[in-house]
Protein backbone atom coordinates (compact mmCIF):
# COMPACT_ATOMS: atom_id res chain seq x y z
CA UNK A 1 30.10 16.05 12.11
CA UNK A 2 31.22 15.76 15.67
CA UNK A 3 32.31 12.15 15.55
CA UNK A 4 34.81 12.48 18.51
CA UNK A 5 32.10 13.82 20.71
CA UNK A 6 29.97 10.73 20.33
CA UNK A 7 33.00 8.43 20.82
CA UNK A 8 33.84 10.04 24.17
CA UNK A 9 30.36 9.37 25.54
CA UNK A 10 29.17 6.09 27.16
CA UNK A 11 27.49 4.85 24.06
CA UNK A 12 29.91 2.13 23.11
CA UNK A 13 27.16 -0.36 22.05
CA UNK A 14 24.28 0.97 19.90
CA UNK A 15 21.48 -1.35 18.65
CA UNK A 16 19.14 -0.26 15.79
CA UNK A 17 15.69 -1.92 15.57
CA UNK A 18 12.52 -1.92 13.68
CA UNK A 19 10.32 -3.98 11.25
CA UNK A 20 11.40 -5.52 8.11
CA UNK A 21 12.22 -2.96 5.39
CA UNK A 22 12.47 0.08 7.63
CA UNK A 23 16.20 0.61 6.94
CA UNK A 24 17.92 -0.52 10.14
CA UNK A 25 20.77 -2.46 8.43
CA UNK A 26 21.59 0.41 6.10
CA UNK A 27 21.58 2.88 8.83
CA UNK A 28 23.80 0.63 11.02
CA UNK A 29 26.32 0.41 8.08
CA UNK A 30 26.36 4.23 7.72
CA UNK A 31 26.72 4.89 11.53
CA UNK A 32 29.47 2.29 11.68
CA UNK A 33 31.25 3.97 8.85
CA UNK A 34 30.99 7.48 10.45
CA UNK A 35 32.22 6.12 13.77
CA UNK A 36 34.84 3.71 12.43
CA UNK A 37 32.98 1.17 14.68
CA UNK A 38 32.67 -2.61 14.51
CA UNK A 39 29.39 -3.62 12.72
CA UNK A 40 27.37 -6.60 14.08
CA UNK A 41 24.73 -7.63 11.49
CA UNK A 42 21.88 -10.11 11.81
CA UNK A 43 22.64 -13.13 9.56
CA UNK A 44 19.56 -12.81 7.49
CA UNK A 45 20.95 -14.01 4.07
CA UNK A 46 22.62 -17.04 5.75
CA UNK A 47 19.36 -18.39 7.05
CA UNK A 48 18.50 -21.22 4.70
CA UNK A 49 14.93 -21.45 6.01
CA UNK A 50 13.79 -17.91 5.68
CA UNK A 51 12.60 -17.80 2.06
CA UNK A 52 10.57 -21.04 2.68
CA UNK A 53 9.11 -19.41 5.77
CA UNK A 54 7.92 -16.33 3.81
CA UNK A 55 6.76 -18.52 1.01
CA UNK A 56 5.05 -21.22 3.02
CA UNK A 57 4.51 -19.89 6.39
CA UNK A 58 4.17 -22.13 9.42
CA UNK A 59 6.06 -25.24 7.88
CA UNK A 60 9.42 -23.44 8.13
CA UNK A 61 8.75 -21.20 11.15
CA UNK A 62 10.56 -23.17 13.77
CA UNK A 63 13.77 -23.94 11.96
CA UNK A 64 14.00 -20.38 10.68
CA UNK A 65 13.57 -19.12 14.27
CA UNK A 66 16.09 -21.53 15.73
CA UNK A 67 18.76 -20.56 13.20
CA UNK A 68 18.37 -16.93 14.19
CA UNK A 69 18.50 -17.84 17.89
CA UNK A 70 21.70 -19.82 17.58
CA UNK A 71 23.32 -17.20 15.32
CA UNK A 72 22.39 -14.34 17.63
CA UNK A 73 23.69 -16.24 20.64
CA UNK A 74 27.09 -16.68 19.00
CA UNK A 75 27.27 -13.02 18.11
CA UNK A 76 26.27 -11.95 21.58
CA UNK A 77 29.09 -14.00 23.03
CA UNK A 78 31.50 -12.02 20.73
CA UNK A 79 29.91 -8.74 21.75
CA UNK A 80 30.61 -9.61 25.47
CA UNK A 81 34.43 -9.89 24.74
CA UNK A 82 36.15 -6.54 25.46
CA UNK A 83 37.75 -4.91 22.39
CA UNK A 84 40.18 -2.20 23.35
CA UNK A 85 40.56 -1.12 19.74
CA UNK A 86 36.94 -0.47 18.99
CA UNK A 87 35.30 2.78 20.31
CA UNK A 88 31.77 1.82 19.23
CA UNK A 89 29.78 -1.27 18.18
CA UNK A 90 26.80 -0.91 15.98
CA UNK A 91 24.21 -3.71 15.68
CA UNK A 92 21.20 -3.88 13.40
CA UNK A 93 19.23 -5.99 15.97
CA UNK A 94 18.46 -6.20 19.71
CA UNK A 95 18.90 -9.68 21.10
CA UNK A 96 15.98 -9.39 23.61
CA UNK A 97 13.52 -8.80 20.83
CA UNK A 98 14.23 -12.34 19.44
CA UNK A 99 11.19 -13.62 21.38
CA UNK A 100 8.99 -11.05 19.61
CA UNK A 101 9.45 -12.96 16.42
CA UNK A 102 9.07 -16.37 18.29
CA UNK A 103 5.71 -15.27 19.65
CA UNK A 104 4.61 -13.99 16.33
CA UNK A 105 5.64 -16.94 14.13
CA UNK A 106 5.47 -20.05 16.31
CA UNK A 107 2.53 -22.13 17.60
CA UNK A 108 2.13 -22.93 21.32
CA UNK A 109 4.18 -26.18 21.30
CA UNK A 110 6.96 -24.64 19.16
CA UNK A 111 7.15 -21.65 21.40
CA UNK A 112 7.49 -23.88 24.40
CA UNK A 113 10.36 -25.76 22.73
CA UNK A 114 11.97 -22.34 21.73
CA UNK A 115 11.80 -21.18 25.32
CA UNK A 116 13.35 -24.37 26.64
CA UNK A 117 16.34 -24.01 24.21
CA UNK A 118 16.69 -20.43 24.77
CA UNK A 119 16.86 -20.93 28.53
CA UNK A 120 19.40 -23.73 28.17
CA UNK A 121 21.56 -21.38 25.98
CA UNK A 122 21.58 -19.02 28.93
CA UNK A 123 22.68 -16.02 26.84
CA UNK A 124 23.53 -12.90 28.94
CA UNK A 125 23.00 -10.32 26.34
CA UNK A 126 24.68 -6.99 27.13
CA UNK A 127 22.31 -4.04 27.36
CA UNK A 128 22.98 -1.47 24.67
CA UNK A 129 23.98 1.94 25.74
CA UNK A 130 21.39 3.23 23.20
CA UNK A 131 18.67 1.56 21.23
CA UNK A 132 17.36 3.31 18.11
CA UNK A 133 13.90 2.16 17.12
CA UNK A 134 12.93 3.11 13.56
CA UNK A 135 9.14 3.28 13.08
CA UNK A 136 7.43 3.50 9.65
CA UNK A 137 3.91 2.82 8.34
CA UNK A 138 2.97 -0.39 6.65
CA UNK A 139 2.45 1.43 3.38
CA UNK A 140 6.07 2.82 3.61
CA UNK A 141 7.52 -0.54 4.49
CA UNK A 142 5.77 -2.24 1.60
CA UNK A 143 7.18 0.41 -0.84
CA UNK A 144 10.64 0.04 0.48
CA UNK A 145 10.53 -3.75 0.30
CA UNK A 146 9.39 -3.55 -3.32
CA UNK A 147 12.15 -1.13 -4.13
CA UNK A 148 14.76 -3.33 -2.31
CA UNK A 149 13.54 -6.31 -4.33
CA UNK A 150 15.30 -9.00 -2.40
CA UNK A 151 14.33 -12.64 -2.99
CA UNK A 152 12.63 -13.20 0.33
CA UNK A 153 10.92 -9.80 0.32
CA UNK A 154 8.68 -10.75 -2.64
CA UNK A 155 6.84 -13.31 -0.38
CA UNK A 156 6.25 -10.86 2.61
CA UNK A 157 2.47 -10.21 2.91
CA UNK A 158 0.94 -6.98 4.06
CA UNK A 159 -0.91 -8.73 6.88
CA UNK A 160 2.29 -10.16 8.26
CA UNK A 161 3.80 -6.62 8.24
CA UNK A 162 0.79 -5.24 10.11
CA UNK A 163 1.09 -7.81 12.83
CA UNK A 164 4.89 -7.27 13.04
CA UNK A 165 4.68 -3.53 13.33
CA UNK A 166 2.00 -3.89 16.07
CA UNK A 167 4.28 -6.36 17.87
CA UNK A 168 7.22 -3.94 17.77
CA UNK A 169 5.06 -1.10 19.04
CA UNK A 170 4.01 -3.18 22.02
CA UNK A 171 7.58 -4.34 22.70
CA UNK A 172 9.05 -0.80 22.75
CA UNK A 173 6.10 0.66 24.60
CA UNK A 174 7.25 -1.59 27.45
CA UNK A 175 11.02 -1.30 26.87
CA UNK A 176 12.87 0.26 29.88
CA UNK A 177 16.25 -1.54 29.82
CA UNK A 178 18.12 1.63 28.83
CA UNK A 179 18.18 4.81 26.70
CA UNK A 180 15.62 4.55 23.78
CA UNK A 181 15.50 6.78 20.66
CA UNK A 182 12.19 6.41 18.74
CA UNK A 183 12.53 7.64 15.19
CA UNK A 184 9.71 8.40 12.82
CA UNK A 185 11.30 7.00 9.71
CA UNK A 186 8.23 7.23 7.40
CA UNK A 187 9.15 10.56 5.86
CA UNK A 188 12.87 10.81 6.27
CA UNK A 189 15.72 8.85 4.70
CA UNK A 190 18.85 9.03 6.93
CA UNK A 191 20.68 6.58 4.72
CA UNK A 192 20.53 8.49 1.36
CA UNK A 193 19.59 12.01 2.51
CA UNK A 194 22.53 13.87 4.05
CA UNK A 195 20.39 16.46 5.85
CA UNK A 196 18.25 13.79 7.44
CA UNK A 197 21.39 11.82 8.46
CA UNK A 198 23.05 14.90 10.05
CA UNK A 199 19.92 15.66 12.01
CA UNK A 200 19.57 12.12 13.27
CA UNK A 201 23.27 11.91 14.13
CA UNK A 202 23.05 15.06 16.21
CA UNK A 203 20.02 13.62 18.03
CA UNK A 204 21.94 10.44 18.75
CA UNK A 205 24.74 12.62 20.21
CA UNK A 206 22.22 14.30 22.55
CA UNK A 207 20.50 11.10 23.71
CA UNK A 208 22.31 9.89 26.81
CA UNK A 209 19.31 8.52 28.92
CA UNK A 210 15.61 8.07 29.06
CA UNK A 211 13.11 7.81 26.25
CA UNK A 212 13.30 10.27 23.35
CA UNK A 213 11.37 10.88 20.09
CA UNK A 214 12.83 12.13 16.78
CA UNK A 215 10.32 13.42 14.31
CA UNK A 216 11.81 16.31 12.40
CA UNK A 217 8.91 16.42 9.88
CA UNK A 218 6.36 17.10 12.71
CA UNK A 219 8.64 19.64 14.25
CA UNK A 220 8.82 21.52 10.93
CA UNK A 221 5.13 21.66 10.61
CA UNK A 222 4.56 22.84 14.20
């Protein structure tokens, strides 16, 4: 694997995105390991309101969202600090999609409060040199959540995943901040399948600008 080739390119900050259960954190870990990169992970397990949100819905939506906003703001400040000893930084989330979840989960008054606080935080999030957007069908996401069997995952309803995947599709349809690689992750497993990972890694090497699609299954059937 041509690790040095990727390290010499401009992609020093790579963000991996996608709906719950699609495998973004696991892929971020594997990429970071391949590249000896710094790993920036969303503080999901540390959020004390998340399980109550998935279990009860609206009653815990605002505190869960605010916890993530403050945690991400702290991490973004760290990302903005130059690190001469790290060639690449890999993150399992994109800061600017935080409002996607706010719009999805908060009512009108809560969203207004969220916007006021976010504006006061005045976070200048660095734009990733590459965003990798993992797509998968709701059926696939449900199966992967069941297999992962985390405590919070047991309370995630299919209807919520449907709304979430639609929100992600709209978000990235309009995304134009930088290079974007859209990956059909429904029928590949780049975390546990070596061939899938090699193919995806080489696509990442080739993606230096614009919008690209990675769908090796469709290509094989063509």
